[in-house]
Amino acid sequence: MTSTKLRRAFGSAAVAALIGFSLFAAPSSASAAPSDCPRGYVCVYDADGDRVWYSQGGLSGKIGPFPGGGTVYNNGWPDPGADHVKYTVTRSDRSTYTVCLHYPGDDTPVQGAIPNNGFIGPISWVAAC
């Protein structure tokens, strides 16, 4: 198999895996629709799929809780120094973890899940994950 065929096969498998992961990671009733999230923005959706926050900037505080969970979507542009979205998730048990989302088009996740009754914030644009 030539290297081009290998790259195509690997690329297709990676895209399929990412789509499968995105479907698993996001709450089933929420989907961050790019048509609902302006290009260049980060958008936050509740479990019903309603956009509850969006900005071209960041968020210094927290938003939530999200009964039933929610979704964060990075619809940013490629921009060295500020095209990835990094945010902190606080679960209902008060434990935290950090998520970093890439911009659309670089074959990496642009959407992240918010757990049931979770909070998110702060949110910031960063150079890389």
Protein backbone atom coordinates (compact mmCIF):
# COMPACT_ATOMS: atom_id res chain seq x y z
CA MET A 1 0.00 0.00 0.00
CA THR A 2 1.40 3.41 -0.92
CA SER A 3 1.90 6.11 1.66
CA THR A 4 -0.95 8.17 0.09
CA LYS A 5 -3.34 5.24 0.42
CA LEU A 6 -2.19 4.68 4.00
CA ARG A 7 -2.79 8.33 4.86
CA ARG A 8 -6.26 8.23 3.28
CA ALA A 9 -7.15 5.01 5.09
CA PHE A 10 -5.80 6.30 8.40
CA GLY A 11 -7.47 9.69 7.90
CA SER A 12 -10.87 8.11 7.20
CA ALA A 13 -10.55 5.82 10.22
CA ALA A 14 -9.55 8.75 12.44
CA VAL A 15 -12.51 10.85 11.27
CA ALA A 16 -14.89 7.94 11.87
CA ALA A 17 -13.44 7.42 15.34
CA LEU A 18 -13.74 11.13 16.19
CA ILE A 19 -17.35 11.23 15.00
CA GLY A 20 -18.11 8.18 17.11
CA PHE A 21 -16.37 9.74 20.12
CA SER A 22 -18.24 13.02 19.67
CA LEU A 23 -21.56 11.21 19.61
CA PHE A 24 -20.62 9.29 22.74
CA ALA A 25 -19.13 12.25 24.62
CA ALA A 26 -21.94 14.73 24.07
CA PRO A 27 -25.35 14.46 25.71
CA SER A 28 -27.76 12.79 23.31
CA SER A 29 -30.29 15.61 23.26
CA ALA A 30 -27.74 18.41 22.81
CA SER A 31 -25.86 19.11 19.64
CA ALA A 32 -23.92 22.28 19.03
CA ALA A 33 -24.94 23.23 15.50
CA PRO A 34 -22.37 25.32 13.65
CA SER A 35 -25.24 27.25 12.01
CA ASP A 36 -26.27 28.33 15.51
CA CYS A 37 -22.73 29.27 16.54
CA PRO A 38 -21.23 32.17 14.57
CA ARG A 39 -17.82 31.55 13.03
CA GLY A 40 -15.08 32.87 15.32
CA TYR A 41 -17.08 32.20 18.51
CA VAL A 42 -17.15 29.67 21.31
CA CYS A 43 -20.74 28.61 22.12
CA VAL A 44 -22.32 26.82 25.07
CA TYR A 45 -25.54 24.82 24.76
CA ASP A 46 -27.84 23.29 27.37
CA ALA A 47 -29.22 19.74 27.24
CA ASP A 48 -32.12 20.90 25.05
CA GLY A 49 -29.70 22.26 22.44
CA ASP A 50 -30.46 25.90 23.27
CA ARG A 51 -27.50 28.25 23.09
CA VAL A 52 -27.04 29.77 26.55
CA TRP A 53 -23.76 31.67 26.05
CA TYR A 54 -21.45 32.63 23.20
CA SER A 55 -18.54 34.98 22.76
CA GLN A 56 -15.50 35.85 20.69
CA GLY A 57 -13.75 36.43 23.99
CA GLY A 58 -13.48 34.38 27.12
CA LEU A 59 -15.40 33.93 30.34
CA SER A 60 -13.76 34.76 33.65
CA GLY A 61 -16.47 33.27 35.88
CA LYS A 62 -18.60 30.12 35.75
CA ILE A 63 -21.94 29.29 34.17
CA GLY A 64 -24.27 26.47 35.15
CA PRO A 65 -25.48 24.20 36.53
CA PHE A 66 -26.53 22.30 33.42
CA PRO A 67 -29.32 19.85 34.37
CA GLY A 68 -29.02 17.00 31.88
CA GLY A 69 -25.60 18.22 30.75
CA GLY A 70 -24.63 20.43 27.85
CA THR A 71 -22.12 21.05 25.08
CA VAL A 72 -19.28 23.48 24.36
CA TYR A 73 -18.44 24.16 20.70
CA ASN A 74 -15.33 25.90 19.30
CA ASN A 75 -16.21 27.54 16.00
CA GLY A 76 -13.03 29.61 15.93
CA TRP A 77 -10.69 30.39 13.05
CA PRO A 78 -7.11 29.16 12.70
CA ASP A 79 -5.10 31.84 14.50
CA PRO A 80 -1.62 31.23 15.90
CA GLY A 81 -1.80 32.08 19.56
CA ALA A 82 -5.58 31.95 20.06
CA ASP A 83 -7.51 29.31 18.14
CA HIS A 84 -8.08 26.63 20.77
CA VAL A 85 -10.69 26.90 23.54
CA LYS A 86 -9.66 25.79 27.02
CA TYR A 87 -12.19 25.54 29.83
CA THR A 88 -12.65 24.02 33.27
CA VAL A 89 -15.55 21.71 34.11
CA THR A 90 -16.79 21.40 37.67
CA ARG A 91 -18.82 18.26 38.29
CA SER A 92 -21.71 18.13 40.76
CA ASP A 93 -19.33 16.50 43.30
CA ARG A 94 -17.10 19.62 42.94
CA SER A 95 -14.25 17.74 41.27
CA THR A 96 -12.79 19.55 38.25
CA TYR A 97 -11.04 18.80 35.00
CA THR A 98 -9.83 20.83 32.04
CA VAL A 99 -10.92 20.44 28.42
CA CYS A 100 -9.23 21.89 25.35
CA LEU A 101 -11.01 22.05 21.99
CA HIS A 102 -9.41 22.63 18.62
CA TYR A 103 -10.80 24.86 15.88
CA PRO A 104 -12.85 23.33 13.05
CA GLY A 105 -10.90 21.79 10.23
CA ASP A 106 -7.83 20.32 11.91
CA ASP A 107 -9.42 16.85 12.37
CA THR A 108 -9.59 17.05 16.16
CA PRO A 109 -12.56 17.48 18.52
CA VAL A 110 -14.25 20.89 18.35
CA GLN A 111 -17.08 19.91 20.71
CA GLY A 112 -16.99 18.90 24.37
CA ALA A 113 -19.56 17.60 26.82
CA ILE A 114 -20.71 19.22 30.06
CA PRO A 115 -21.78 16.62 32.64
CA ASN A 116 -25.19 16.55 34.29
CA ASN A 117 -25.47 19.46 36.77
CA GLY A 118 -21.95 20.57 35.87
CA PHE A 119 -20.58 24.11 35.68
CA ILE A 120 -18.05 25.45 33.19
CA GLY A 121 -15.63 28.29 33.43
CA PRO A 122 -13.38 29.99 33.10
CA ILE A 123 -13.18 29.76 29.31
CA SER A 124 -10.21 31.14 27.38
CA TRP A 125 -8.69 31.13 23.90
CA VAL A 126 -5.19 29.59 23.91
CA ALA A 127 -2.46 28.82 21.38
CA ALA A 128 -2.51 25.02 21.68
CA CYS A 129 -3.88 22.16 23.70
